[in-house]
């Protein structure tokens, strides 16, 4: 199973802008995690520097920015948002506040961003769920993210994996097959 999702920074369209044995893979986890965080921080620095492009209005930002994350605190998207917020604060010398609004398969947060003032001070950190699956699963949510939000930067792509405990003995996704 090799599905992927992307993470995009968005703004309202109205704006101008239990196994105790230690295996080899378990020993690599701290290194893999450290590499992921290093890549994330590197990307965050790059993103923050790109955003301060001359196309932004002179003096922006001159008040705190709200970064809406449609997942709970501690989730992958939240961790990425917090790393980005730190770099944005360092670059822009302005506060960036994380606002976690989980619910309705990300549409709760999407609607909040779409109805916020179109001044560039409310940014959104959704996943592909916001644009593909969520509107199909919840057509009465009162928002069409594809029409009401504008992507301004692609931030990440990742793979999702189907995993199970090794004692199950399966080597593929076919149920009832161990080969």
C-alpha atoms as a PDB file:
ATOM      1  CA  UNK A   1       0.000   0.000   0.000  1.00  0.00           C
ATOM      2  CA  UNK A   2       1.620   3.190  -1.127  1.00  0.00           C
ATOM      3  CA  UNK A   3      -0.906   5.987  -0.824  1.00  0.00           C
ATOM      4  CA  UNK A   4       0.383   9.475  -0.336  1.00  0.00           C
ATOM      5  CA  UNK A   5      -0.977  12.761   0.920  1.00  0.00           C
ATOM      6  CA  UNK A   6       0.291  16.237   0.588  1.00  0.00           C
ATOM      7  CA  UNK A   7       0.264  19.118   2.974  1.00  0.00           C
ATOM      8  CA  UNK A   8      -0.435  22.582   1.666  1.00  0.00           C
ATOM      9  CA  UNK A   9      -0.486  25.945   3.321  1.00  0.00           C
ATOM     10  CA  UNK A  10      -3.702  27.720   2.435  1.00  0.00           C
ATOM     11  CA  UNK A  11      -5.369  31.029   2.818  1.00  0.00           C
ATOM     12  CA  UNK A  12      -8.822  32.326   1.999  1.00  0.00           C
ATOM     13  CA  UNK A  13      -9.309  32.987  -1.740  1.00  0.00           C
ATOM     14  CA  UNK A  14     -10.464  36.478  -0.899  1.00  0.00           C
ATOM     15  CA  UNK A  15      -6.991  37.481   0.193  1.00  0.00           C
ATOM     16  CA  UNK A  16      -4.415  38.792  -2.107  1.00  0.00           C
ATOM     17  CA  UNK A  17      -2.192  36.399  -0.959  1.00  0.00           C
ATOM     18  CA  UNK A  18       4.879  -4.213  23.250  1.00  0.00           C
ATOM     19  CA  UNK A  19       7.654  -6.193  21.908  1.00  0.00           C
ATOM     20  CA  UNK A  20      10.579  -5.879  24.373  1.00  0.00           C
ATOM     21  CA  UNK A  21      13.215  -7.241  21.997  1.00  0.00           C
ATOM     22  CA  UNK A  22      15.301  -4.673  20.201  1.00  0.00           C
ATOM     23  CA  UNK A  23      15.361  -5.212  16.486  1.00  0.00           C
ATOM     24  CA  UNK A  24      17.497  -3.480  13.926  1.00  0.00           C
ATOM     25  CA  UNK A  25      14.535  -1.351  12.781  1.00  0.00           C
ATOM     26  CA  UNK A  26      13.793  -0.273  16.357  1.00  0.00           C
ATOM     27  CA  UNK A  27      17.406   0.821  16.800  1.00  0.00           C
ATOM     28  CA  UNK A  28      17.066   3.040  13.716  1.00  0.00           C
ATOM     29  CA  UNK A  29      13.960   4.862  14.964  1.00  0.00           C
ATOM     30  CA  UNK A  30      15.779   7.654  16.825  1.00  0.00           C
ATOM     31  CA  UNK A  31      17.972   8.264  13.785  1.00  0.00           C
ATOM     32  CA  UNK A  32      15.014   8.194  11.382  1.00  0.00           C
ATOM     33  CA  UNK A  33      13.053  10.522  13.649  1.00  0.00           C
ATOM     34  CA  UNK A  34      16.012  12.882  13.915  1.00  0.00           C
ATOM     35  CA  UNK A  35      16.392  12.900  10.126  1.00  0.00           C
ATOM     36  CA  UNK A  36      12.695  13.642   9.672  1.00  0.00           C
ATOM     37  CA  UNK A  37      12.847  16.531  12.127  1.00  0.00           C
ATOM     38  CA  UNK A  38      16.006  17.886  10.493  1.00  0.00           C
ATOM     39  CA  UNK A  39      14.352  17.781   7.067  1.00  0.00           C
ATOM     40  CA  UNK A  40      11.226  19.385   8.455  1.00  0.00           C
ATOM     41  CA  UNK A  41      13.180  22.218  10.067  1.00  0.00           C
ATOM     42  CA  UNK A  42      15.230  22.733   6.903  1.00  0.00           C
ATOM     43  CA  UNK A  43      12.062  22.957   4.871  1.00  0.00           C
ATOM     44  CA  UNK A  44      10.471  25.288   7.402  1.00  0.00           C
ATOM     45  CA  UNK A  45      13.396  27.704   7.122  1.00  0.00           C
ATOM     46  CA  UNK A  46      13.105  27.623   3.350  1.00  0.00           C
ATOM     47  CA  UNK A  47       9.345  28.203   3.531  1.00  0.00           C
ATOM     48  CA  UNK A  48       9.625  31.148   5.906  1.00  0.00           C
ATOM     49  CA  UNK A  49      12.233  32.783   3.701  1.00  0.00           C
ATOM     50  CA  UNK A  50      10.134  32.247   0.552  1.00  0.00           C
ATOM     51  CA  UNK A  51       7.075  33.816   2.170  1.00  0.00           C
ATOM     52  CA  UNK A  52       8.885  37.065   2.844  1.00  0.00           C
ATOM     53  CA  UNK A  53       9.025  37.632  -0.907  1.00  0.00           C
ATOM     54  CA  UNK A  54       8.543  41.183  -2.215  1.00  0.00           C
ATOM     55  CA  UNK A  55       5.050  40.286  -3.454  1.00  0.00           C
ATOM     56  CA  UNK A  56       3.715  40.663   0.080  1.00  0.00           C
ATOM     57  CA  UNK A  57       2.460  44.052   1.139  1.00  0.00           C
ATOM     58  CA  UNK A  58       5.041  46.291   2.725  1.00  0.00           C
ATOM     59  CA  UNK A  59       4.996  45.866   6.485  1.00  0.00           C
ATOM     60  CA  UNK A  60       3.391  42.410   6.467  1.00  0.00           C
ATOM     61  CA  UNK A  61       3.054  40.946   8.961  1.00  0.00           C
ATOM     62  CA  UNK A  62       2.369  43.714  11.417  1.00  0.00           C
ATOM     63  CA  UNK A  63       0.210  41.666  13.795  1.00  0.00           C
ATOM     64  CA  UNK A  64       0.147  38.028  14.987  1.00  0.00           C
ATOM     65  CA  UNK A  65      -0.621  35.326  12.428  1.00  0.00           C
ATOM     66  CA  UNK A  66      -2.996  32.456  13.193  1.00  0.00           C
ATOM     67  CA  UNK A  67      -1.969  29.091  11.733  1.00  0.00           C
ATOM     68  CA  UNK A  68      -5.007  26.785  11.790  1.00  0.00           C
ATOM     69  CA  UNK A  69      -4.183  23.066  12.057  1.00  0.00           C
ATOM     70  CA  UNK A  70      -7.154  20.728  11.434  1.00  0.00           C
ATOM     71  CA  UNK A  71      -5.760  17.982  13.701  1.00  0.00           C
ATOM     72  CA  UNK A  72      -5.159  17.538  17.424  1.00  0.00           C
ATOM     73  CA  UNK A  73      -2.023  18.766  19.148  1.00  0.00           C
ATOM     74  CA  UNK A  74       0.782  16.236  18.808  1.00  0.00           C
ATOM     75  CA  UNK A  75      -0.285  14.948  15.394  1.00  0.00           C
ATOM     76  CA  UNK A  76       2.168  14.932  12.496  1.00  0.00           C
ATOM     77  CA  UNK A  77       0.533  17.987  10.932  1.00  0.00           C
ATOM     78  CA  UNK A  78       0.597  19.807  14.282  1.00  0.00           C
ATOM     79  CA  UNK A  79       4.303  19.057  14.786  1.00  0.00           C
ATOM     80  CA  UNK A  80       5.042  20.344  11.301  1.00  0.00           C
ATOM     81  CA  UNK A  81       2.938  23.440  11.911  1.00  0.00           C
ATOM     82  CA  UNK A  82       4.742  24.211  15.145  1.00  0.00           C
ATOM     83  CA  UNK A  83       8.145  23.859  13.486  1.00  0.00           C
ATOM     84  CA  UNK A  84       7.002  26.155  10.685  1.00  0.00           C
ATOM     85  CA  UNK A  85       5.538  28.657  13.137  1.00  0.00           C
ATOM     86  CA  UNK A  86       8.852  28.870  14.985  1.00  0.00           C
ATOM     87  CA  UNK A  87      10.755  29.592  11.788  1.00  0.00           C
ATOM     88  CA  UNK A  88       8.144  32.078  10.592  1.00  0.00           C
ATOM     89  CA  UNK A  89       8.387  33.905  13.940  1.00  0.00           C
ATOM     90  CA  UNK A  90      12.172  34.042  13.681  1.00  0.00           C
ATOM     91  CA  UNK A  91      12.059  35.301  10.099  1.00  0.00           C
ATOM     92  CA  UNK A  92       9.179  37.743  10.390  1.00  0.00           C
ATOM     93  CA  UNK A  93       9.751  38.847  14.013  1.00  0.00           C
ATOM     94  CA  UNK A  94       6.013  38.392  14.575  1.00  0.00           C
ATOM     95  CA  UNK A  95       4.010  35.905  16.660  1.00  0.00           C
ATOM     96  CA  UNK A  96       2.486  32.883  14.925  1.00  0.00           C
ATOM     97  CA  UNK A  97      -0.238  31.221  16.976  1.00  0.00           C
ATOM     98  CA  UNK A  98      -1.182  27.580  16.354  1.00  0.00           C
ATOM     99  CA  UNK A  99      -4.952  27.046  16.462  1.00  0.00           C
ATOM    100  CA  UNK A 100      -5.835  23.312  16.508  1.00  0.00           C
ATOM    101  CA  UNK A 101      -9.395  22.770  15.207  1.00  0.00           C
ATOM    102  CA  UNK A 102      -9.922  19.053  14.678  1.00  0.00           C
ATOM    103  CA  UNK A 103     -13.258  17.757  13.454  1.00  0.00           C
ATOM    104  CA  UNK A 104     -15.441  16.938  10.455  1.00  0.00           C
ATOM    105  CA  UNK A 105     -12.503  15.370   8.589  1.00  0.00           C
ATOM    106  CA  UNK A 106     -10.713  18.760   8.493  1.00  0.00           C
ATOM    107  CA  UNK A 107     -13.767  20.661   7.190  1.00  0.00           C
ATOM    108  CA  UNK A 108     -14.442  22.362  10.524  1.00  0.00           C
ATOM    109  CA  UNK A 109     -11.088  24.126  10.324  1.00  0.00           C
ATOM    110  CA  UNK A 110     -11.447  24.739   6.585  1.00  0.00           C
ATOM    111  CA  UNK A 111     -14.760  26.513   7.098  1.00  0.00           C
ATOM    112  CA  UNK A 112     -13.279  28.613   9.908  1.00  0.00           C
ATOM    113  CA  UNK A 113     -10.429  29.741   7.652  1.00  0.00           C
ATOM    114  CA  UNK A 114     -12.692  30.396   4.670  1.00  0.00           C
ATOM    115  CA  UNK A 115     -14.929  32.643   6.762  1.00  0.00           C
ATOM    116  CA  UNK A 116     -12.071  34.493   8.470  1.00  0.00           C
ATOM    117  CA  UNK A 117     -11.195  38.047   7.384  1.00  0.00           C
ATOM    118  CA  UNK A 118      -9.354  37.965   4.030  1.00  0.00           C
ATOM    119  CA  UNK A 119      -6.318  39.799   5.342  1.00  0.00           C
ATOM    120  CA  UNK A 120      -3.584  37.142   5.108  1.00  0.00           C
ATOM    121  CA  UNK A 121      -3.333  36.711   8.864  1.00  0.00           C
ATOM    122  CA  UNK A 122      -5.168  33.392   9.032  1.00  0.00           C
ATOM    123  CA  UNK A 123      -3.319  30.523   7.367  1.00  0.00           C
ATOM    124  CA  UNK A 124      -4.404  26.890   7.104  1.00  0.00           C
ATOM    125  CA  UNK A 125      -2.369  23.675   7.138  1.00  0.00           C
ATOM    126  CA  UNK A 126      -4.631  20.979   5.612  1.00  0.00           C
ATOM    127  CA  UNK A 127      -3.963  17.619   4.033  1.00  0.00           C
ATOM    128  CA  UNK A 128      -5.313  16.233   0.784  1.00  0.00           C
ATOM    129  CA  UNK A 129      -8.282  14.954   2.840  1.00  0.00           C
ATOM    130  CA  UNK A 130      -9.608  18.494   2.954  1.00  0.00           C
ATOM    131  CA  UNK A 131      -9.914  18.663  -0.817  1.00  0.00           C
ATOM    132  CA  UNK A 132     -10.631  15.088  -1.857  1.00  0.00           C
ATOM    133  CA  UNK A 133     -12.313  12.811   0.674  1.00  0.00           C
ATOM    134  CA  UNK A 134     -13.895  15.136   3.235  1.00  0.00           C
ATOM    135  CA  UNK A 135     -16.190  17.040   0.841  1.00  0.00           C
ATOM    136  CA  UNK A 136     -17.372  13.724  -0.618  1.00  0.00           C
ATOM    137  CA  UNK A 137     -18.031  12.189   2.795  1.00  0.00           C
ATOM    138  CA  UNK A 138     -19.724  15.284   4.196  1.00  0.00           C
ATOM    139  CA  UNK A 139     -21.376  17.263   1.382  1.00  0.00           C
ATOM    140  CA  UNK A 140     -23.566  19.147   3.898  1.00  0.00           C
ATOM    141  CA  UNK A 141     -20.553  20.668   5.675  1.00  0.00           C
ATOM    142  CA  UNK A 142     -21.246  24.022   4.097  1.00  0.00           C
ATOM    143  CA  UNK A 143     -17.863  24.476   2.433  1.00  0.00           C
ATOM    144  CA  UNK A 144     -16.201  23.556  -0.831  1.00  0.00           C
ATOM    145  CA  UNK A 145     -12.503  23.917   0.004  1.00  0.00           C
ATOM    146  CA  UNK A 146     -11.506  23.770  -3.669  1.00  0.00           C
ATOM    147  CA  UNK A 147     -13.512  26.917  -4.334  1.00  0.00           C
ATOM    148  CA  UNK A 148     -13.107  28.759  -1.052  1.00  0.00           C
ATOM    149  CA  UNK A 149      -9.411  28.265  -0.279  1.00  0.00           C
ATOM    150  CA  UNK A 150      -6.298  28.939  -2.339  1.00  0.00           C
ATOM    151  CA  UNK A 151      -3.135  26.828  -2.038  1.00  0.00           C
ATOM    152  CA  UNK A 152      -0.082  29.042  -1.673  1.00  0.00           C
ATOM    153  CA  UNK A 153       2.677  26.486  -1.001  1.00  0.00           C
ATOM    154  CA  UNK A 154       3.158  22.719  -1.085  1.00  0.00           C
ATOM    155  CA  UNK A 155       4.942  21.720   2.081  1.00  0.00           C
ATOM    156  CA  UNK A 156       5.278  17.942   2.240  1.00  0.00           C
ATOM    157  CA  UNK A 157       4.443  14.581   0.719  1.00  0.00           C
ATOM    158  CA  UNK A 158       4.489  11.353   2.692  1.00  0.00           C
ATOM    159  CA  UNK A 159       3.559   7.700   2.263  1.00  0.00           C
ATOM    160  CA  UNK A 160       1.066   5.767   4.338  1.00  0.00           C
ATOM    161  CA  UNK A 161       1.698   2.110   5.137  1.00  0.00           C
ATOM    162  CA  UNK A 162      -0.530  -0.736   6.231  1.00  0.00           C
ATOM    163  CA  UNK A 163       1.262  -2.566   9.052  1.00  0.00           C
ATOM    164  CA  UNK A 164       0.576  -5.396  11.465  1.00  0.00           C
ATOM    165  CA  UNK A 165       2.302  -7.364  14.194  1.00  0.00           C
ATOM    166  CA  UNK A 166       4.879  -9.808  12.744  1.00  0.00           C
ATOM    167  CA  UNK A 167       3.298 -12.763  14.577  1.00  0.00           C
ATOM    168  CA  UNK A 168       0.300 -12.529  12.251  1.00  0.00           C
ATOM    169  CA  UNK A 169       2.506 -14.044   9.562  1.00  0.00           C
ATOM    170  CA  UNK A 170       1.162 -12.060   6.639  1.00  0.00           C
ATOM    171  CA  UNK A 171       3.469 -10.590   4.043  1.00  0.00           C
ATOM    172  CA  UNK A 172       0.966  -8.733   1.890  1.00  0.00           C
ATOM    173  CA  UNK A 173      -2.415  -7.053   2.090  1.00  0.00           C
ATOM    174  CA  UNK A 174      -4.443 -10.079   0.945  1.00  0.00           C
ATOM    175  CA  UNK A 175      -6.626 -11.354   3.751  1.00  0.00           C
ATOM    176  CA  UNK A 176      -6.204 -15.020   4.526  1.00  0.00           C
ATOM    177  CA  UNK A 177      -2.900 -15.273   2.687  1.00  0.00           C
ATOM    178  CA  UNK A 178       0.532 -15.426   4.226  1.00  0.00           C
ATOM    179  CA  UNK A 179       2.473 -15.213   0.994  1.00  0.00           C
END
